[in-house]
Amino acid sequence: MEKAIEIAREWKPNIKLIYLILLIVSTFVSVALMNFLLGIGLLYIIFAFLLGKDKIKIGLLGKYIILLSTITFTSTLVFNPQAIFEAFVEVGLLYIYFFPVDRNSSLKVLKDTYKATYMVGVVGLILFYYRHFFTGIEKMFWGKAFKAGRFFSIFSFLYLFHAIENFLRKKKVNLKLISHIVLFILSVCGIIVAGKRSFILAFFLTSIILILLFSKLFQRKKVIIPILFVSIFTLASGVIYVSAERNYNLSHSSFKEIIQLSSSNRDKIALDAISIIKSDFTEGRIVNILIGHGENCGAYLPHPYSLNHSQGKYESIFLLSEFVEKGLIGVLIEILIIYKVLLFIATLEKEKEKLFLLLWGSIPLVIHFFGMIFVFLKDPTLPTWLLMFRLSENANKGKNFLKGRES
């Protein structure tokens, strides 16, 4: 009887681990399954909070998520109440960040998904290149070229981490190292073939961050120089490929035309957003300046330059689009979230056992920040990236960076 009770106690937390692993893996495979699992996770958090079953801890980003959601719900309820459901979908799902999981469990989930997602990426590569060459469609598991570009960005760094980890451990070229490098190159090529400038730029900027981190942690230039070369090569190749694919003739284009092409003609939408912000200041609408006009406010606000009155969001540069929706306070909170995540990565220490697992949990969120330059929150995968970052945060407990903070 005692043995049965002990087994039952051990199985209880395992359900949590299985759930977390399924959620992370499903994010790459099925949007329907991902959303279903997110819903289950949010229900668990609510019941855990109400019943006191699990202690819900704030973490590094928790207070910012609460503030951001409060501002979004308030501005939407006051200025655009018909979009309250969209507001819940956009920021309510971010509360998955609070899913209660301890340090050891977090580390185990990162380890298991580090391996499982490796194989998911291999299948994704096969699917993508098959569809590209035989059907002309840039698609992996779900979504189209945009999602493929995002997932390839994540897979490329996953394979890069495996390659560097193998090289540091074995200190010589071996078959596994070669296979990691081949998958890394195929993933980088996938970013370019998908042709999404946002994630070509995201890959380049994330590479620069990793180069700065690795130059601090590792003395070997053999680790740093290849990453720098590949990141520059990807940016250059991506610009050339996208320009050729879309018949851009940059050498004979004016500066204004280049801006229009590079932003997919979002420059006029940016002018719409600027006109709204300018109007708020000139007419003294303090509340709108502070908390914005609410979710999907483009449905009722004017579009004097783009004339796209069906556009719910002012999808230009995220600072402008988010300022219109969430105001100055919302934008400052989002900037603080980005800062906290980058600071967390910058202060990681050289631990061969954990470094690449912590990076695996953190990098998808960084890619999201750099990739979503036109709209900060508008992507269904963001809750998963926040949850993965929380796992890295939990697994990194005990470091100086987290001392005295609730995680």
Protein backbone atom coordinates (compact mmCIF):
# COMPACT_ATOMS: atom_id res chain seq x y z
CA MET A 1 0.00 0.00 0.00
CA GLU A 2 2.78 2.42 0.90
CA LYS A 3 4.51 1.57 -2.38
CA ALA A 4 1.32 2.36 -4.32
CA ILE A 5 0.98 5.73 -2.57
CA GLU A 6 4.60 6.55 -3.33
CA ILE A 7 4.13 5.67 -7.02
CA ALA A 8 0.96 7.81 -7.14
CA ARG A 9 2.84 10.77 -5.65
CA GLU A 10 5.58 10.39 -8.24
CA TRP A 11 3.06 10.13 -11.10
CA LYS A 12 1.21 13.30 -10.12
CA PRO A 13 3.96 15.74 -11.17
CA ASN A 14 4.69 13.62 -14.25
CA ILE A 15 1.30 14.61 -15.71
CA LYS A 16 2.47 18.21 -15.51
CA LEU A 17 5.70 17.38 -17.32
CA ILE A 18 3.86 15.48 -20.05
CA TYR A 19 1.50 18.44 -20.46
CA LEU A 20 4.36 20.95 -20.79
CA ILE A 21 6.26 18.78 -23.27
CA LEU A 22 3.11 18.26 -25.37
CA LEU A 23 2.35 21.99 -25.36
CA ILE A 24 5.83 22.98 -26.52
CA VAL A 25 6.04 20.30 -29.22
CA SER A 26 2.46 20.93 -30.41
CA THR A 27 3.29 24.60 -30.99
CA PHE A 28 5.40 23.51 -33.96
CA VAL A 29 3.00 20.82 -35.17
CA SER A 30 -0.65 21.86 -34.68
CA VAL A 31 -2.18 25.23 -33.82
CA ALA A 32 -5.48 23.57 -32.81
CA LEU A 33 -3.77 21.21 -30.35
CA MET A 34 -1.62 24.07 -29.05
CA ASN A 35 -4.67 26.27 -28.35
CA PHE A 36 -6.49 23.37 -26.69
CA LEU A 37 -3.52 22.71 -24.40
CA LEU A 38 -3.14 26.42 -23.64
CA GLY A 39 -6.78 26.47 -22.55
CA ILE A 40 -6.21 23.50 -20.23
CA GLY A 41 -3.12 25.19 -18.80
CA LEU A 42 -4.99 28.42 -18.07
CA LEU A 43 -7.79 26.51 -16.35
CA TYR A 44 -5.21 24.72 -14.21
CA ILE A 45 -3.62 28.05 -13.23
CA ILE A 46 -7.03 29.50 -12.26
CA PHE A 47 -7.97 26.49 -10.12
CA ALA A 48 -4.49 26.29 -8.60
CA PHE A 49 -4.76 29.97 -7.63
CA LEU A 50 -8.31 29.71 -6.23
CA LEU A 51 -7.75 26.46 -4.33
CA GLY A 52 -4.22 27.26 -3.20
CA LYS A 53 -3.14 23.92 -4.66
CA ASP A 54 0.07 25.24 -6.21
CA LYS A 55 1.86 28.42 -5.28
CA ILE A 56 1.66 30.82 -8.23
CA LYS A 57 4.90 32.81 -8.37
CA ILE A 58 5.40 36.11 -10.15
CA GLY A 59 8.75 35.58 -11.88
CA LEU A 60 10.78 38.14 -13.80
CA LEU A 61 8.03 39.06 -16.26
CA GLY A 62 4.89 38.37 -14.21
CA LYS A 63 4.16 41.89 -13.00
CA TYR A 64 4.67 43.29 -16.51
CA ILE A 65 2.25 40.74 -18.00
CA ILE A 66 -0.36 41.64 -15.36
CA LEU A 67 0.09 45.39 -15.98
CA LEU A 68 -0.01 44.96 -19.77
CA SER A 69 -3.17 42.86 -19.66
CA THR A 70 -4.83 45.33 -17.27
CA ILE A 71 -4.09 48.24 -19.60
CA THR A 72 -5.25 46.29 -22.66
CA PHE A 73 -8.53 45.19 -21.06
CA THR A 74 -9.21 48.65 -19.61
CA SER A 75 -8.58 50.60 -22.83
CA THR A 76 -10.57 48.06 -24.86
CA LEU A 77 -13.49 48.05 -22.43
CA VAL A 78 -13.64 51.86 -22.41
CA PHE A 79 -12.97 52.68 -26.07
CA ASN A 80 -13.72 49.54 -28.13
CA PRO A 81 -15.78 47.10 -26.01
CA GLN A 82 -16.83 44.98 -29.00
CA ALA A 83 -13.20 43.81 -29.26
CA ILE A 84 -12.98 42.57 -25.65
CA PHE A 85 -12.83 38.91 -26.77
CA GLU A 86 -9.90 39.69 -29.09
CA ALA A 87 -8.20 41.44 -26.17
CA PHE A 88 -8.62 38.33 -24.03
CA VAL A 89 -7.18 36.09 -26.76
CA GLU A 90 -4.21 38.42 -27.27
CA VAL A 91 -3.15 39.04 -23.67
CA GLY A 92 -5.17 36.55 -21.61
CA LEU A 93 -3.25 33.58 -23.01
CA LEU A 94 0.00 35.19 -21.85
CA TYR A 95 -0.95 34.12 -18.31
CA ILE A 96 0.34 30.64 -19.20
CA TYR A 97 3.64 32.17 -18.03
CA PHE A 98 2.37 31.61 -14.46
CA PHE A 99 2.02 27.84 -14.88
CA PRO A 100 3.46 26.46 -11.60
CA VAL A 101 6.49 24.24 -12.12
CA ASP A 102 9.57 23.76 -9.94
CA ARG A 103 13.25 24.02 -10.85
CA ASN A 104 13.96 20.32 -11.43
CA SER A 105 10.80 19.81 -13.47
CA SER A 106 11.61 22.89 -15.56
CA LEU A 107 15.06 21.52 -16.30
CA LYS A 108 13.62 18.13 -17.26
CA VAL A 109 11.07 19.68 -19.64
CA LEU A 110 13.81 21.74 -21.29
CA LYS A 111 15.96 18.61 -21.67
CA ASP A 112 13.13 16.53 -23.13
CA THR A 113 11.94 19.22 -25.56
CA TYR A 114 15.57 19.96 -26.52
CA LYS A 115 15.67 16.38 -27.84
CA ALA A 116 12.07 15.97 -29.04
CA THR A 117 11.99 19.23 -30.98
CA TYR A 118 15.22 18.19 -32.69
CA MET A 119 13.30 15.37 -34.42
CA VAL A 120 10.27 17.59 -35.05
CA GLY A 121 12.59 19.97 -36.87
CA VAL A 122 13.96 17.16 -39.06
CA VAL A 123 10.41 16.18 -40.12
CA GLY A 124 9.60 19.87 -40.65
CA LEU A 125 12.62 20.28 -42.93
CA ILE A 126 11.53 17.31 -45.06
CA LEU A 127 7.95 18.58 -45.32
CA PHE A 128 8.99 22.13 -46.14
CA TYR A 129 11.48 21.29 -48.88
CA TYR A 130 9.17 18.66 -50.38
CA ARG A 131 6.33 21.16 -50.59
CA HIS A 132 8.62 23.89 -51.88
CA PHE A 133 10.10 21.86 -54.72
CA PHE A 134 7.05 19.79 -55.68
CA THR A 135 4.07 22.05 -54.94
CA GLY A 136 5.60 25.53 -54.79
CA ILE A 137 4.17 26.12 -51.30
CA GLU A 138 6.36 27.36 -48.43
CA LYS A 139 4.78 25.52 -45.54
CA MET A 140 5.96 23.33 -42.68
CA PHE A 141 3.33 21.77 -40.37
CA TRP A 142 0.87 24.66 -40.09
CA GLY A 143 0.71 28.24 -41.23
CA LYS A 144 2.47 29.35 -44.37
CA ALA A 145 5.77 31.04 -45.19
CA PHE A 146 5.64 33.36 -42.17
CA LYS A 147 5.34 30.47 -39.70
CA ALA A 148 7.95 28.48 -41.62
CA GLY A 149 10.37 31.40 -41.29
CA ARG A 150 9.71 31.61 -37.55
CA PHE A 151 10.12 27.87 -36.95
CA PHE A 152 13.26 27.65 -39.09
CA SER A 153 14.78 30.48 -37.06
CA ILE A 154 14.15 28.48 -33.89
CA PHE A 155 15.31 25.16 -35.37
CA SER A 156 18.49 26.73 -36.74
CA PHE A 157 19.57 27.84 -33.25
CA LEU A 158 18.50 24.50 -31.78
CA TYR A 159 20.81 22.67 -34.20
CA LEU A 160 23.52 25.26 -33.62
CA PHE A 161 23.38 24.63 -29.85
CA HIS A 162 23.64 20.88 -30.42
CA ALA A 163 26.64 21.43 -32.72
CA ILE A 164 28.51 23.74 -30.32
CA GLU A 165 27.73 21.47 -27.36
CA ASN A 166 29.07 18.47 -29.29
CA PHE A 167 32.20 20.35 -30.37
CA LEU A 168 32.97 21.55 -26.83
CA ARG A 169 32.49 18.05 -25.44
CA LYS A 170 34.25 15.96 -28.11
CA LYS A 171 36.79 18.61 -29.18
CA LYS A 172 36.99 17.05 -32.65
CA VAL A 173 34.93 16.61 -35.81
CA ASN A 174 32.60 13.61 -35.66
CA LEU A 175 29.54 12.27 -37.48
CA LYS A 176 27.06 13.76 -35.00
CA LEU A 177 28.68 17.18 -35.29
CA ILE A 178 28.45 17.00 -39.08
CA SER A 179 24.75 16.03 -38.92
CA HIS A 180 24.02 18.96 -36.55
CA ILE A 181 25.80 21.37 -38.92
CA VAL A 182 23.96 20.02 -41.99
CA LEU A 183 20.59 20.49 -40.25
CA PHE A 184 21.66 23.97 -39.13
CA ILE A 185 22.55 24.96 -42.70
CA LEU A 186 19.30 23.51 -44.10
CA SER A 187 17.33 25.46 -41.48
CA VAL A 188 19.15 28.70 -42.28
CA CYS A 189 18.44 28.12 -45.98
CA GLY A 190 14.80 27.52 -45.02
CA ILE A 191 14.62 31.00 -43.46
CA ILE A 192 15.88 32.47 -46.73
CA VAL A 193 13.63 30.35 -48.98
CA ALA A 194 10.58 31.24 -46.86
CA GLY A 195 11.49 34.80 -47.83
CA LYS A 196 10.17 36.55 -44.73
CA ARG A 197 12.32 39.59 -44.04
CA SER A 198 11.21 39.78 -40.41
CA PHE A 199 12.80 36.45 -39.55
CA ILE A 200 15.86 36.94 -41.72
CA LEU A 201 16.46 40.06 -39.62
CA ALA A 202 15.49 38.18 -36.43
CA PHE A 203 18.05 35.45 -37.18
CA PHE A 204 20.75 38.05 -37.81
CA LEU A 205 20.07 40.07 -34.64
CA THR A 206 19.74 36.97 -32.46
CA SER A 207 23.05 35.71 -33.86
CA ILE A 208 24.71 38.97 -32.83
CA ILE A 209 23.39 38.55 -29.28
CA LEU A 210 24.73 34.99 -29.13
CA ILE A 211 28.09 36.10 -30.51
CA LEU A 212 28.35 38.70 -27.73
CA LEU A 213 27.38 36.09 -25.12
CA PHE A 214 29.73 33.39 -26.45
CA SER A 215 32.62 35.83 -26.79
CA LYS A 216 32.24 36.42 -23.04
CA LEU A 217 31.89 32.74 -22.13
CA PHE A 218 34.21 31.03 -24.60
CA GLN A 219 37.73 31.95 -25.58
CA ARG A 220 37.69 29.85 -28.73
CA LYS A 221 37.21 31.82 -31.92
CA LYS A 222 36.27 28.53 -33.57
CA VAL A 223 32.89 28.89 -31.86
CA ILE A 224 32.28 32.59 -32.59
CA ILE A 225 33.58 33.18 -36.14
CA PRO A 226 31.34 30.58 -37.87
CA ILE A 227 28.22 32.06 -36.24
CA LEU A 228 29.21 35.57 -37.35
CA PHE A 229 29.89 34.36 -40.89
CA VAL A 230 26.59 32.48 -41.17
CA SER A 231 24.56 35.38 -39.73
CA ILE A 232 26.05 37.90 -42.19
CA PHE A 233 25.68 35.40 -45.04
CA THR A 234 22.02 34.84 -44.12
CA LEU A 235 21.23 38.55 -44.01
CA ALA A 236 22.95 39.22 -47.36
CA SER A 237 21.49 36.14 -49.05
CA GLY A 238 18.05 36.89 -47.68
CA VAL A 239 18.06 40.45 -49.03
CA ILE A 240 19.26 39.24 -52.45
CA TYR A 241 16.78 36.34 -52.58
CA VAL A 242 13.75 38.37 -51.49
CA SER A 243 14.67 41.19 -53.89
CA ALA A 244 14.99 38.76 -56.81
CA GLU A 245 11.89 36.77 -55.86
CA ARG A 246 9.71 39.88 -55.70
CA ASN A 247 11.38 41.70 -58.61
CA TYR A 248 12.73 44.53 -56.47
CA ASN A 249 15.23 46.71 -58.35
CA LEU A 250 16.80 48.51 -55.40
CA SER A 251 19.57 50.11 -57.45
CA HIS A 252 17.02 52.10 -59.48
CA SER A 253 14.63 52.87 -56.65
CA SER A 254 14.32 56.08 -54.67
CA PHE A 255 14.74 56.06 -50.90
CA LYS A 256 10.97 56.42 -50.51
CA GLU A 257 10.34 53.44 -52.82
CA ILE A 258 12.89 51.31 -50.91
CA ILE A 259 11.10 52.11 -47.63
CA GLN A 260 7.75 51.18 -49.19
CA LEU A 261 9.11 47.89 -50.55
CA SER A 262 10.97 46.92 -47.38
CA SER A 263 7.92 47.61 -45.23
CA SER A 264 5.38 45.99 -47.61
CA ASN A 265 3.88 49.47 -48.07
CA ARG A 266 3.27 49.77 -44.33
CA ASP A 267 4.75 53.26 -44.44
CA LYS A 268 1.27 54.68 -45.07
CA ILE A 269 -0.16 52.69 -42.16
CA ALA A 270 2.66 54.13 -40.03
CA LEU A 271 1.56 57.61 -41.09
CA ASP A 272 -1.99 56.69 -40.03
CA ALA A 273 -0.70 55.71 -36.58
CA ILE A 274 1.40 58.87 -36.28
CA SER A 275 -1.62 60.99 -37.18
CA ILE A 276 -3.68 59.33 -34.41
CA ILE A 277 -0.91 59.86 -31.83
CA LYS A 278 -0.39 63.46 -32.97
CA SER A 279 -4.12 64.09 -32.69
CA ASP A 280 -4.16 62.68 -29.13
CA PHE A 281 -1.42 65.12 -28.09
CA THR A 282 -2.82 68.18 -29.85
CA GLU A 283 -6.33 67.58 -28.47
CA GLY A 284 -5.07 66.70 -24.99
CA ARG A 285 -6.52 63.17 -24.81
CA ILE A 286 -4.41 62.19 -21.81
CA VAL A 287 -6.15 58.85 -21.18
CA ASN A 288 -5.56 57.74 -24.79
CA ILE A 289 -1.94 58.87 -24.59
CA LEU A 290 -1.42 56.78 -21.47
CA ILE A 291 -3.41 53.58 -22.20
CA GLY A 292 -4.23 53.82 -25.91
CA HIS A 293 -7.47 53.30 -27.84
CA GLY A 294 -8.00 49.59 -27.16
CA GLU A 295 -7.64 46.34 -29.05
CA ASN A 296 -8.31 46.50 -32.82
CA CYS A 297 -8.96 50.23 -32.56
CA GLY A 298 -8.27 50.61 -36.28
CA ALA A 299 -11.81 49.35 -36.82
CA TYR A 300 -13.22 52.69 -35.63
CA LEU A 301 -10.30 55.14 -35.92
CA PRO A 302 -9.50 56.94 -39.22
CA HIS A 303 -6.98 55.81 -41.86
CA PRO A 304 -6.23 59.08 -43.68
CA TYR A 305 -3.12 57.87 -45.54
CA SER A 306 -3.56 54.14 -46.20
CA LEU A 307 -7.36 54.44 -46.71
CA ASN A 308 -7.59 50.86 -45.42
CA HIS A 309 -10.64 51.23 -43.19
CA SER A 310 -11.03 47.46 -42.71
CA GLN A 311 -7.65 47.29 -40.96
CA GLY A 312 -8.19 46.51 -37.26
CA LYS A 313 -4.57 47.14 -36.31
CA TYR A 314 -2.14 49.81 -37.44
CA GLU A 315 0.44 47.23 -38.53
CA SER A 316 3.55 49.30 -39.07
CA ILE A 317 6.44 49.50 -36.59
CA PHE A 318 5.41 47.82 -33.33
CA LEU A 319 6.18 50.96 -31.28
CA LEU A 320 3.60 52.90 -33.29
CA SER A 321 0.93 50.21 -33.54
CA GLU A 322 1.24 49.35 -29.85
CA PHE A 323 1.23 53.03 -28.84
CA VAL A 324 -2.10 53.52 -30.59
CA GLU A 325 -3.63 50.44 -28.93
CA LYS A 326 -1.97 50.40 -25.50
CA GLY A 327 -0.62 53.91 -25.07
CA LEU A 328 2.66 55.13 -23.62
CA ILE A 329 2.41 52.90 -20.53
CA GLY A 330 1.81 49.79 -22.62
CA VAL A 331 4.78 50.50 -24.88
CA LEU A 332 7.07 51.13 -21.90
CA ILE A 333 5.98 47.83 -20.33
CA GLU A 334 6.73 45.96 -23.57
CA ILE A 335 10.16 47.57 -23.79
CA LEU A 336 10.82 46.51 -20.18
CA ILE A 337 9.82 42.92 -21.04
CA ILE A 338 12.32 42.87 -23.92
CA TYR A 339 15.00 44.39 -21.68
CA LYS A 340 14.44 41.82 -18.91
CA VAL A 341 14.68 38.90 -21.33
CA LEU A 342 17.87 40.20 -22.96
CA LEU A 343 19.38 40.93 -19.54
CA PHE A 344 18.59 37.38 -18.43
CA ILE A 345 20.46 35.99 -21.44
CA ALA A 346 23.36 38.42 -21.03
CA THR A 347 23.94 37.25 -17.45
CA LEU A 348 23.90 33.51 -18.14
CA GLU A 349 27.00 31.73 -16.91
CA LYS A 350 29.15 29.07 -18.56
CA GLU A 351 27.72 25.79 -17.33
CA LYS A 352 28.11 23.05 -19.91
CA GLU A 353 25.29 21.09 -18.30
CA LYS A 354 22.70 23.87 -18.49
CA LEU A 355 23.81 26.75 -20.70
CA PHE A 356 22.36 25.45 -23.96
CA LEU A 357 19.17 24.27 -22.28
CA LEU A 358 18.65 27.75 -20.81
CA LEU A 359 19.31 29.28 -24.22
CA TRP A 360 16.91 26.80 -25.82
CA GLY A 361 14.19 28.06 -23.49
CA SER A 362 15.01 31.74 -24.04
CA ILE A 363 15.88 32.16 -27.72
CA PRO A 364 12.38 31.55 -29.19
CA LEU A 365 11.12 34.58 -27.24
CA VAL A 366 14.04 36.70 -28.49
CA ILE A 367 13.28 35.62 -32.06
CA HIS A 368 9.69 36.67 -31.48
CA PHE A 369 10.77 40.13 -30.32
CA PHE A 370 13.00 40.69 -33.35
CA GLY A 371 10.67 38.97 -35.81
CA MET A 372 7.48 40.77 -34.86
CA ILE A 373 8.74 44.24 -35.70
CA PHE A 374 5.35 45.25 -37.08
CA VAL A 375 3.07 43.92 -34.29
CA PHE A 376 4.46 42.92 -30.90
CA LEU A 377 1.79 40.59 -29.55
CA LYS A 378 -0.14 39.41 -32.60
CA ASP A 379 0.96 35.79 -32.80
CA PRO A 380 -0.63 32.66 -31.29
CA THR A 381 2.76 31.11 -30.45
CA LEU A 382 3.84 33.88 -28.04
CA PRO A 383 2.33 32.20 -24.92
CA THR A 384 4.48 29.12 -25.54
CA TRP A 385 7.65 31.19 -25.91
CA LEU A 386 6.84 32.96 -22.63
CA LEU A 387 6.31 29.61 -20.92
CA MET A 388 9.62 28.30 -22.27
CA PHE A 389 11.37 31.41 -20.98
CA ARG A 390 9.77 30.80 -17.57
CA LEU A 391 11.18 27.26 -17.60
CA SER A 392 14.66 28.68 -18.28
CA GLU A 393 14.14 31.20 -15.52
CA ASN A 394 13.14 28.45 -13.07
CA ALA A 395 16.01 26.19 -14.12
CA ASN A 396 18.47 29.04 -13.56
CA LYS A 397 17.45 29.55 -9.93
CA GLY A 398 20.28 30.06 -7.49
CA LYS A 399 22.32 32.32 -9.79
CA ASN A 400 23.28 35.83 -8.68
CA PHE A 401 20.95 37.29 -11.30
CA LEU A 402 17.93 35.87 -9.50
CA LYS A 403 19.03 36.30 -5.90
CA GLY A 404 16.44 38.00 -3.77
CA ARG A 405 13.82 37.73 -6.51
CA GLU A 406 10.76 35.61 -6.62
CA SER A 407 10.86 33.25 -9.57
